[in-house]
Amino acid sequence: MTTGPSRRFDVEIVDSVSEPPKAPPPGAAELPQPPAPAPAADTGAAPRRRDYLEGFLGASASQGEGAGDEDTLKEAVIAALRDIFDPEIPVNIYDLGLIYGVEIDEGHVIVTMTLTTPHCPVAESMPGEVELRVMAVPGVATCDVNLVWDPPWNPASMSEEARLELGML
């Protein structure tokens, strides 16, 4: 049973299109804001402001100023590391004791870490995930992750919170 051809999309033929706006040259003070669209008459909604990147850009611009920012940056990096969990153990890698050191020098972060065993199933992906999460911290310019096996990880490396979580206390 066949019916006539179905129409999947409409084609609109136009003669010309206006050129999109260009970005201002480097060093320009501020991007010009486009005019706000008029609110719909039936909803009474206010126009949406362009603030979706304001917080992120403000945070990255504020890093690197002042004497104590390296400590603040290190705390932010450690917080990012605490968001990464070992897939086999319900504890983050920092409290699990897999992070041996975090060094910061002018925005360059060096993370020295290990895994629970060299045959860990995430041995290939975990260092990459650590690098991605650390690079997402505002103020971090570059990141190196050094995966070491000496000294080997042991359960004594875990924090008290991790031991409590795993029922080892």
N, C-alpha and C. Protein backbone atom coordinates (compact mmCIF):
# COMPACT_ATOMS: atom_id res chain seq x y z
N MET A 1 0.84 -1.16 0.00
CA MET A 1 0.00 0.00 0.00
C MET A 1 0.90 1.23 0.00
N THR A 2 0.83 1.98 -1.05
CA THR A 2 1.66 3.17 -1.14
C THR A 2 0.77 4.39 -1.24
N THR A 3 1.23 5.42 -0.62
CA THR A 3 0.54 6.70 -0.72
C THR A 3 1.47 7.65 -1.45
N GLY A 4 1.02 8.83 -1.68
CA GLY A 4 1.83 9.82 -2.37
C GLY A 4 3.09 10.16 -1.58
N PRO A 5 4.03 10.81 -2.24
CA PRO A 5 5.29 11.14 -1.55
C PRO A 5 5.01 12.06 -0.36
N SER A 6 5.67 11.75 0.74
CA SER A 6 5.50 12.58 1.93
C SER A 6 6.50 13.73 1.89
N ARG A 7 6.10 14.85 2.44
CA ARG A 7 6.95 16.03 2.43
C ARG A 7 7.67 16.10 3.78
N ARG A 8 8.99 16.06 3.78
CA ARG A 8 9.77 16.02 5.01
C ARG A 8 10.24 17.38 5.48
N PHE A 9 10.43 18.31 4.57
CA PHE A 9 10.93 19.62 4.97
C PHE A 9 10.51 20.66 3.94
N ASP A 10 10.53 21.90 4.38
CA ASP A 10 10.22 23.01 3.50
C ASP A 10 11.51 23.71 3.11
N VAL A 11 11.56 24.21 1.91
CA VAL A 11 12.72 24.93 1.42
C VAL A 11 12.32 26.38 1.21
N GLU A 12 13.11 27.29 1.76
CA GLU A 12 12.86 28.71 1.57
C GLU A 12 13.99 29.26 0.70
N ILE A 13 13.66 29.85 -0.38
CA ILE A 13 14.65 30.42 -1.28
C ILE A 13 14.74 31.91 -0.98
N VAL A 14 15.96 32.40 -0.71
CA VAL A 14 16.17 33.81 -0.40
C VAL A 14 17.15 34.40 -1.40
N ASP A 15 17.04 35.71 -1.61
CA ASP A 15 17.93 36.39 -2.54
C ASP A 15 19.25 36.76 -1.89
N SER A 16 19.21 37.20 -0.63
CA SER A 16 20.45 37.58 0.04
C SER A 16 20.25 37.47 1.55
N VAL A 17 21.37 37.43 2.23
CA VAL A 17 21.39 37.33 3.69
C VAL A 17 22.32 38.41 4.21
N SER A 18 21.92 39.07 5.31
CA SER A 18 22.80 40.10 5.87
C SER A 18 24.04 39.45 6.47
N GLU A 19 25.15 40.17 6.41
CA GLU A 19 26.42 39.66 6.91
C GLU A 19 26.38 39.61 8.44
N PRO A 20 26.88 38.52 9.05
CA PRO A 20 26.88 38.43 10.51
C PRO A 20 27.85 39.45 11.11
N PRO A 21 27.61 39.89 12.35
CA PRO A 21 28.52 40.87 12.96
C PRO A 21 29.89 40.26 13.21
N LYS A 22 30.92 41.09 13.10
CA LYS A 22 32.30 40.64 13.31
C LYS A 22 32.73 40.94 14.73
N ALA A 23 33.68 40.17 15.21
CA ALA A 23 34.22 40.37 16.55
C ALA A 23 35.07 41.64 16.55
N PRO A 24 35.11 42.35 17.68
CA PRO A 24 35.94 43.56 17.75
C PRO A 24 37.42 43.18 17.73
N PRO A 25 38.29 44.10 17.36
CA PRO A 25 39.73 43.80 17.34
C PRO A 25 40.24 43.54 18.76
N PRO A 26 41.35 42.81 18.89
CA PRO A 26 41.92 42.54 20.22
C PRO A 26 42.19 43.85 20.96
N GLY A 27 41.89 43.85 22.23
CA GLY A 27 42.12 45.03 23.05
C GLY A 27 40.92 45.96 23.11
N ALA A 28 39.86 45.65 22.37
CA ALA A 28 38.67 46.49 22.44
C ALA A 28 38.05 46.36 23.82
N ALA A 29 37.47 47.43 24.31
CA ALA A 29 36.98 47.47 25.69
C ALA A 29 35.89 46.44 25.94
N GLU A 30 34.86 46.42 25.15
CA GLU A 30 33.73 45.56 25.44
C GLU A 30 32.98 45.26 24.16
N LEU A 31 32.42 44.06 24.08
CA LEU A 31 31.60 43.71 22.94
C LEU A 31 30.30 44.52 22.98
N PRO A 32 29.86 45.03 21.86
CA PRO A 32 28.58 45.73 21.87
C PRO A 32 27.46 44.72 22.12
N GLN A 33 26.53 45.08 22.97
CA GLN A 33 25.42 44.21 23.28
C GLN A 33 24.35 44.36 22.21
N PRO A 34 23.81 43.25 21.73
CA PRO A 34 22.74 43.35 20.74
C PRO A 34 21.49 43.90 21.42
N PRO A 35 20.63 44.51 20.66
CA PRO A 35 19.41 45.03 21.27
C PRO A 35 18.59 43.88 21.84
N ALA A 36 18.00 44.12 23.00
CA ALA A 36 17.20 43.09 23.65
C ALA A 36 15.92 42.88 22.86
N PRO A 37 15.53 41.61 22.70
CA PRO A 37 14.28 41.37 21.98
C PRO A 37 13.11 41.84 22.82
N ALA A 38 12.09 42.28 22.14
CA ALA A 38 10.89 42.74 22.85
C ALA A 38 10.21 41.54 23.48
N PRO A 39 9.76 41.68 24.72
CA PRO A 39 9.08 40.55 25.36
C PRO A 39 7.77 40.24 24.65
N ALA A 40 7.42 38.98 24.71
CA ALA A 40 6.16 38.58 24.09
C ALA A 40 5.01 39.24 24.82
N ALA A 41 4.05 39.70 24.07
CA ALA A 41 2.94 40.45 24.67
C ALA A 41 2.09 39.57 25.58
N ASP A 42 1.98 38.29 25.22
CA ASP A 42 1.09 37.46 26.00
C ASP A 42 1.75 36.89 27.26
N THR A 43 3.10 36.82 27.34
CA THR A 43 3.75 36.24 28.51
C THR A 43 4.23 37.29 29.49
N GLY A 44 4.60 38.45 29.02
CA GLY A 44 5.11 39.49 29.91
C GLY A 44 6.50 39.16 30.44
N ALA A 45 7.26 38.28 29.75
CA ALA A 45 8.58 37.87 30.22
C ALA A 45 9.60 38.97 29.97
N ALA A 46 10.56 39.08 30.88
CA ALA A 46 11.64 40.05 30.74
C ALA A 46 12.65 39.52 29.73
N PRO A 47 13.37 40.39 29.02
CA PRO A 47 14.38 39.91 28.07
C PRO A 47 15.54 39.24 28.80
N ARG A 48 16.12 38.23 28.17
CA ARG A 48 17.23 37.48 28.77
C ARG A 48 18.53 38.24 28.59
N ARG A 49 19.27 38.39 29.69
CA ARG A 49 20.58 39.04 29.64
C ARG A 49 21.63 38.03 29.19
N ARG A 50 22.71 38.52 28.62
CA ARG A 50 23.81 37.65 28.21
C ARG A 50 24.78 37.51 29.37
N ASP A 51 24.48 36.63 30.31
CA ASP A 51 25.31 36.47 31.49
C ASP A 51 25.80 35.03 31.67
N TYR A 52 25.67 34.21 30.66
CA TYR A 52 25.96 32.80 30.81
C TYR A 52 27.45 32.50 31.02
N LEU A 53 28.36 33.36 30.61
CA LEU A 53 29.79 33.14 30.83
C LEU A 53 30.37 34.08 31.87
N GLU A 54 29.58 34.97 32.40
CA GLU A 54 30.08 36.00 33.30
C GLU A 54 30.81 35.42 34.51
N GLY A 55 30.22 34.43 35.17
CA GLY A 55 30.83 33.85 36.36
C GLY A 55 32.14 33.14 36.05
N PHE A 56 32.16 32.35 34.97
CA PHE A 56 33.37 31.61 34.62
C PHE A 56 34.50 32.56 34.23
N LEU A 57 34.20 33.55 33.38
CA LEU A 57 35.24 34.48 32.95
C LEU A 57 35.72 35.34 34.10
N GLY A 58 34.82 35.72 35.00
CA GLY A 58 35.22 36.50 36.17
C GLY A 58 36.12 35.71 37.09
N ALA A 59 35.86 34.42 37.26
CA ALA A 59 36.68 33.59 38.14
C ALA A 59 38.07 33.38 37.56
N SER A 60 38.16 33.16 36.24
CA SER A 60 39.47 32.92 35.66
C SER A 60 40.28 34.21 35.61
N ALA A 61 39.64 35.35 35.47
CA ALA A 61 40.36 36.61 35.43
C ALA A 61 40.87 37.00 36.81
N SER A 62 40.18 36.58 37.86
CA SER A 62 40.59 36.97 39.20
C SER A 62 41.75 36.12 39.71
N GLN A 63 42.01 34.97 39.11
CA GLN A 63 43.12 34.13 39.55
C GLN A 63 44.45 34.76 39.14
N GLY A 64 45.48 34.49 39.89
CA GLY A 64 46.80 34.97 39.53
C GLY A 64 47.13 36.33 40.09
N GLU A 65 46.25 36.96 40.85
CA GLU A 65 46.51 38.26 41.42
C GLU A 65 46.66 38.10 42.92
N GLY A 66 47.65 38.72 43.51
CA GLY A 66 47.81 38.68 44.95
C GLY A 66 48.78 37.60 45.37
N ALA A 67 49.15 37.62 46.68
CA ALA A 67 50.17 36.71 47.17
C ALA A 67 49.62 35.34 47.49
N GLY A 68 48.41 35.22 48.00
CA GLY A 68 47.91 33.93 48.45
C GLY A 68 47.15 33.15 47.41
N ASP A 69 47.20 33.57 46.14
CA ASP A 69 46.40 32.90 45.12
C ASP A 69 46.90 31.51 44.79
N GLU A 70 48.18 31.24 44.98
CA GLU A 70 48.68 29.90 44.71
C GLU A 70 48.07 28.90 45.68
N ASP A 71 47.89 29.31 46.94
CA ASP A 71 47.23 28.44 47.91
C ASP A 71 45.77 28.24 47.56
N THR A 72 45.10 29.31 47.13
CA THR A 72 43.70 29.22 46.73
C THR A 72 43.56 28.32 45.51
N LEU A 73 44.48 28.45 44.57
CA LEU A 73 44.46 27.61 43.37
C LEU A 73 44.69 26.15 43.74
N LYS A 74 45.59 25.90 44.68
CA LYS A 74 45.85 24.52 45.10
C LYS A 74 44.61 23.93 45.75
N GLU A 75 43.91 24.71 46.57
CA GLU A 75 42.67 24.23 47.18
C GLU A 75 41.62 23.92 46.12
N ALA A 76 41.55 24.75 45.08
CA ALA A 76 40.59 24.51 44.00
C ALA A 76 40.95 23.25 43.22
N VAL A 77 42.24 23.02 43.00
CA VAL A 77 42.68 21.81 42.30
C VAL A 77 42.34 20.58 43.14
N ILE A 78 42.59 20.64 44.44
CA ILE A 78 42.29 19.51 45.32
C ILE A 78 40.77 19.26 45.34
N ALA A 79 39.98 20.33 45.34
CA ALA A 79 38.52 20.16 45.28
C ALA A 79 38.11 19.46 43.99
N ALA A 80 38.77 19.79 42.89
CA ALA A 80 38.48 19.14 41.61
C ALA A 80 38.87 17.66 41.66
N LEU A 81 39.99 17.37 42.31
CA LEU A 81 40.43 15.97 42.44
C LEU A 81 39.47 15.17 43.32
N ARG A 82 38.86 15.84 44.29
CA ARG A 82 37.90 15.15 45.16
C ARG A 82 36.58 14.85 44.44
N ASP A 83 36.41 15.37 43.25
CA ASP A 83 35.21 15.06 42.45
C ASP A 83 35.41 13.83 41.57
N ILE A 84 36.62 13.26 41.56
CA ILE A 84 36.91 12.09 40.74
C ILE A 84 36.86 10.86 41.64
N PHE A 85 36.03 9.91 41.27
CA PHE A 85 35.87 8.71 42.08
C PHE A 85 36.45 7.50 41.37
N ASP A 86 37.03 6.60 42.15
CA ASP A 86 37.48 5.33 41.64
C ASP A 86 36.23 4.53 41.28
N PRO A 87 36.14 3.96 40.09
CA PRO A 87 34.91 3.27 39.70
C PRO A 87 34.63 2.00 40.51
N GLU A 88 35.65 1.42 41.14
CA GLU A 88 35.44 0.19 41.90
C GLU A 88 35.24 0.44 43.39
N ILE A 89 35.66 1.61 43.86
CA ILE A 89 35.59 1.93 45.29
C ILE A 89 34.82 3.25 45.41
N PRO A 90 33.79 3.33 46.26
CA PRO A 90 32.98 4.55 46.33
C PRO A 90 33.62 5.68 47.13
N VAL A 91 34.89 5.96 46.84
CA VAL A 91 35.64 7.01 47.53
C VAL A 91 36.41 7.79 46.47
N ASN A 92 36.54 9.12 46.66
CA ASN A 92 37.27 9.92 45.68
C ASN A 92 38.76 9.60 45.74
N ILE A 93 39.46 9.90 44.64
CA ILE A 93 40.85 9.48 44.53
C ILE A 93 41.78 10.24 45.48
N TYR A 94 41.39 11.44 45.90
CA TYR A 94 42.23 12.19 46.83
C TYR A 94 42.18 11.57 48.22
N ASP A 95 40.98 11.29 48.72
CA ASP A 95 40.85 10.68 50.04
C ASP A 95 41.28 9.22 50.03
N LEU A 96 41.28 8.60 48.87
CA LEU A 96 41.74 7.22 48.75
C LEU A 96 43.27 7.14 48.87
N GLY A 97 43.94 8.29 48.74
CA GLY A 97 45.39 8.32 48.86
C GLY A 97 46.12 8.08 47.56
N LEU A 98 45.42 8.21 46.45
CA LEU A 98 46.06 7.99 45.14
C LEU A 98 46.83 9.21 44.68
N ILE A 99 46.59 10.38 45.26
CA ILE A 99 47.30 11.60 44.89
C ILE A 99 48.47 11.77 45.85
N TYR A 100 49.68 11.70 45.33
CA TYR A 100 50.87 11.85 46.16
C TYR A 100 51.31 13.30 46.30
N GLY A 101 50.99 14.13 45.32
CA GLY A 101 51.41 15.52 45.41
C GLY A 101 50.77 16.39 44.36
N VAL A 102 50.57 17.68 44.73
CA VAL A 102 50.07 18.70 43.81
C VAL A 102 51.01 19.88 43.93
N GLU A 103 51.73 20.18 42.85
CA GLU A 103 52.66 21.31 42.83
C GLU A 103 52.14 22.33 41.82
N ILE A 104 52.23 23.61 42.20
CA ILE A 104 51.75 24.68 41.33
C ILE A 104 52.84 25.72 41.19
N ASP A 105 53.12 26.09 39.94
CA ASP A 105 54.11 27.13 39.67
C ASP A 105 53.56 28.02 38.56
N GLU A 106 53.07 29.20 38.92
CA GLU A 106 52.56 30.19 37.97
C GLU A 106 51.52 29.61 37.01
N GLY A 107 50.54 28.91 37.55
CA GLY A 107 49.48 28.36 36.72
C GLY A 107 49.76 26.99 36.14
N HIS A 108 50.99 26.50 36.27
CA HIS A 108 51.33 25.16 35.79
C HIS A 108 51.18 24.19 36.96
N VAL A 109 50.35 23.18 36.80
CA VAL A 109 50.07 22.23 37.87
C VAL A 109 50.71 20.89 37.52
N ILE A 110 51.39 20.31 38.50
CA ILE A 110 51.95 18.97 38.35
C ILE A 110 51.29 18.09 39.42
N VAL A 111 50.58 17.07 38.96
CA VAL A 111 49.92 16.13 39.87
C VAL A 111 50.69 14.82 39.80
N THR A 112 51.17 14.37 40.94
CA THR A 112 51.84 13.08 41.04
C THR A 112 50.85 12.12 41.68
N MET A 113 50.57 11.02 41.00
CA MET A 113 49.55 10.10 41.48
C MET A 113 49.93 8.65 41.21
N THR A 114 49.19 7.75 41.80
CA THR A 114 49.34 6.33 41.55
C THR A 114 47.96 5.73 41.40
N LEU A 115 47.89 4.45 41.23
CA LEU A 115 46.62 3.72 41.19
C LEU A 115 46.72 2.59 42.19
N THR A 116 45.59 1.97 42.50
CA THR A 116 45.61 0.92 43.51
C THR A 116 46.48 -0.27 43.09
N THR A 117 46.56 -0.51 41.80
CA THR A 117 47.40 -1.58 41.27
C THR A 117 47.78 -1.24 39.83
N PRO A 118 48.94 -1.71 39.35
CA PRO A 118 49.30 -1.44 37.95
C PRO A 118 48.31 -2.06 36.95
N HIS A 119 47.56 -3.07 37.39
CA HIS A 119 46.61 -3.73 36.50
C HIS A 119 45.20 -3.17 36.68
N CYS A 120 45.10 -1.99 37.24
CA CYS A 120 43.81 -1.34 37.46
C CYS A 120 43.12 -1.12 36.12
N PRO A 121 41.82 -1.40 36.02
CA PRO A 121 41.13 -1.24 34.73
C PRO A 121 41.11 0.19 34.21
N VAL A 122 41.30 1.18 35.08
CA VAL A 122 41.27 2.57 34.63
C VAL A 122 42.67 3.15 34.48
N ALA A 123 43.68 2.29 34.39
CA ALA A 123 45.06 2.77 34.31
C ALA A 123 45.29 3.65 33.08
N GLU A 124 44.58 3.41 32.02
CA GLU A 124 44.75 4.23 30.82
C GLU A 124 43.91 5.50 30.85
N SER A 125 42.74 5.46 31.48
CA SER A 125 41.84 6.60 31.42
C SER A 125 41.95 7.54 32.62
N MET A 126 42.33 7.07 33.78
CA MET A 126 42.33 7.90 34.98
C MET A 126 43.28 9.10 34.88
N PRO A 127 44.53 8.94 34.43
CA PRO A 127 45.39 10.13 34.31
C PRO A 127 44.82 11.19 33.36
N GLY A 128 44.19 10.75 32.29
CA GLY A 128 43.56 11.70 31.38
C GLY A 128 42.40 12.43 32.02
N GLU A 129 41.61 11.72 32.82
CA GLU A 129 40.49 12.36 33.51
C GLU A 129 41.00 13.35 34.54
N VAL A 130 42.08 13.00 35.24
CA VAL A 130 42.67 13.92 36.22
C VAL A 130 43.13 15.19 35.51
N GLU A 131 43.80 15.03 34.38
CA GLU A 131 44.26 16.20 33.63
C GLU A 131 43.11 17.08 33.17
N LEU A 132 42.04 16.48 32.66
CA LEU A 132 40.88 17.25 32.20
C LEU A 132 40.22 18.01 33.34
N ARG A 133 40.06 17.36 34.49
CA ARG A 133 39.40 18.01 35.62
C ARG A 133 40.26 19.15 36.18
N VAL A 134 41.56 18.95 36.24
CA VAL A 134 42.45 20.00 36.75
C VAL A 134 42.50 21.16 35.77
N MET A 135 42.53 20.88 34.48
CA MET A 135 42.56 21.95 33.48
C MET A 135 41.28 22.77 33.49
N ALA A 136 40.18 22.22 34.01
CA ALA A 136 38.91 22.94 34.07
C ALA A 136 38.87 23.93 35.23
N VAL A 137 39.84 23.88 36.13
CA VAL A 137 39.87 24.81 37.27
C VAL A 137 40.32 26.18 36.76
N PRO A 138 39.55 27.23 37.05
CA PRO A 138 39.96 28.58 36.62
C PRO A 138 41.30 28.96 37.23
N GLY A 139 42.21 29.44 36.39
CA GLY A 139 43.54 29.83 36.85
C GLY A 139 44.62 28.84 36.49
N VAL A 140 44.23 27.63 36.06
CA VAL A 140 45.20 26.61 35.66
C VAL A 140 45.50 26.80 34.18
N ALA A 141 46.78 27.01 33.87
CA ALA A 141 47.18 27.20 32.47
C ALA A 141 47.53 25.88 31.81
N THR A 142 48.34 25.07 32.50
CA THR A 142 48.75 23.77 31.97
C THR A 142 48.77 22.77 33.11
N CYS A 143 48.76 21.49 32.75
CA CYS A 143 48.75 20.44 33.77
C CYS A 143 49.52 19.23 33.25
N ASP A 144 50.37 18.69 34.10
CA ASP A 144 51.05 17.43 33.83
C ASP A 144 50.65 16.45 34.91
N VAL A 145 50.34 15.22 34.51
CA VAL A 145 49.99 14.17 35.46
C VAL A 145 51.07 13.11 35.37
N ASN A 146 51.77 12.91 36.48
CA ASN A 146 52.81 11.89 36.55
C ASN A 146 52.25 10.68 37.29
N LEU A 147 52.16 9.55 36.58
CA LEU A 147 51.68 8.31 37.17
C LEU A 147 52.89 7.52 37.63
N VAL A 148 52.99 7.28 38.94
CA VAL A 148 54.14 6.58 39.50
C VAL A 148 53.67 5.31 40.20
N TRP A 149 54.60 4.36 40.34
CA TRP A 149 54.28 3.10 41.01
C TRP A 149 55.12 2.90 42.26
N ASP A 150 56.02 3.83 42.53
CA ASP A 150 56.87 3.72 43.72
C ASP A 150 56.75 5.00 44.51
N PRO A 151 56.28 5.01 45.71
CA PRO A 151 55.90 3.86 46.53
C PRO A 151 54.55 3.32 46.09
N PRO A 152 54.36 2.02 46.20
CA PRO A 152 53.07 1.45 45.82
C PRO A 152 51.97 1.89 46.79
N TRP A 153 50.75 1.97 46.27
CA TRP A 153 49.62 2.37 47.10
C TRP A 153 49.30 1.25 48.09
N ASN A 154 48.90 1.64 49.29
CA ASN A 154 48.38 0.66 50.24
C ASN A 154 47.25 1.31 51.03
N PRO A 155 46.42 0.54 51.68
CA PRO A 155 45.26 1.10 52.39
C PRO A 155 45.62 2.09 53.49
N ALA A 156 46.84 2.09 53.96
CA ALA A 156 47.25 3.06 54.99
C ALA A 156 47.31 4.47 54.43
N SER A 157 47.31 4.61 53.10
CA SER A 157 47.35 5.93 52.46
C SER A 157 46.01 6.64 52.52
N MET A 158 44.94 5.94 52.84
CA MET A 158 43.60 6.52 52.82
C MET A 158 43.39 7.48 53.99
N SER A 159 42.55 8.47 53.77
CA SER A 159 42.18 9.39 54.85
C SER A 159 41.23 8.68 55.82
N GLU A 160 41.05 9.28 56.99
CA GLU A 160 40.14 8.68 57.97
C GLU A 160 38.71 8.64 57.43
N GLU A 161 38.33 9.69 56.67
CA GLU A 161 36.98 9.72 56.10
C GLU A 161 36.77 8.55 55.14
N ALA A 162 37.81 8.23 54.33
CA ALA A 162 37.70 7.13 53.39
C ALA A 162 37.61 5.81 54.12
N ARG A 163 38.39 5.65 55.18
CA ARG A 163 38.33 4.40 55.95
C ARG A 163 36.96 4.24 56.61
N LEU A 164 36.42 5.35 57.10
CA LEU A 164 35.10 5.31 57.72
C LEU A 164 34.05 4.94 56.67
N GLU A 165 34.15 5.52 55.49
CA GLU A 165 33.21 5.22 54.40
C GLU A 165 33.24 3.75 54.02
N LEU A 166 34.43 3.17 54.05
CA LEU A 166 34.57 1.77 53.65
C LEU A 166 34.43 0.80 54.82
N GLY A 167 34.15 1.33 56.02
CA GLY A 167 33.98 0.47 57.20
C GLY A 167 35.26 -0.14 57.69
N MET A 168 36.37 0.56 57.52
CA MET A 168 37.67 0.02 57.94
C MET A 168 38.12 0.59 59.28
N LEU A 169 37.30 1.41 59.94
CA LEU A 169 37.65 1.97 61.25
C LEU A 169 36.90 1.28 62.34
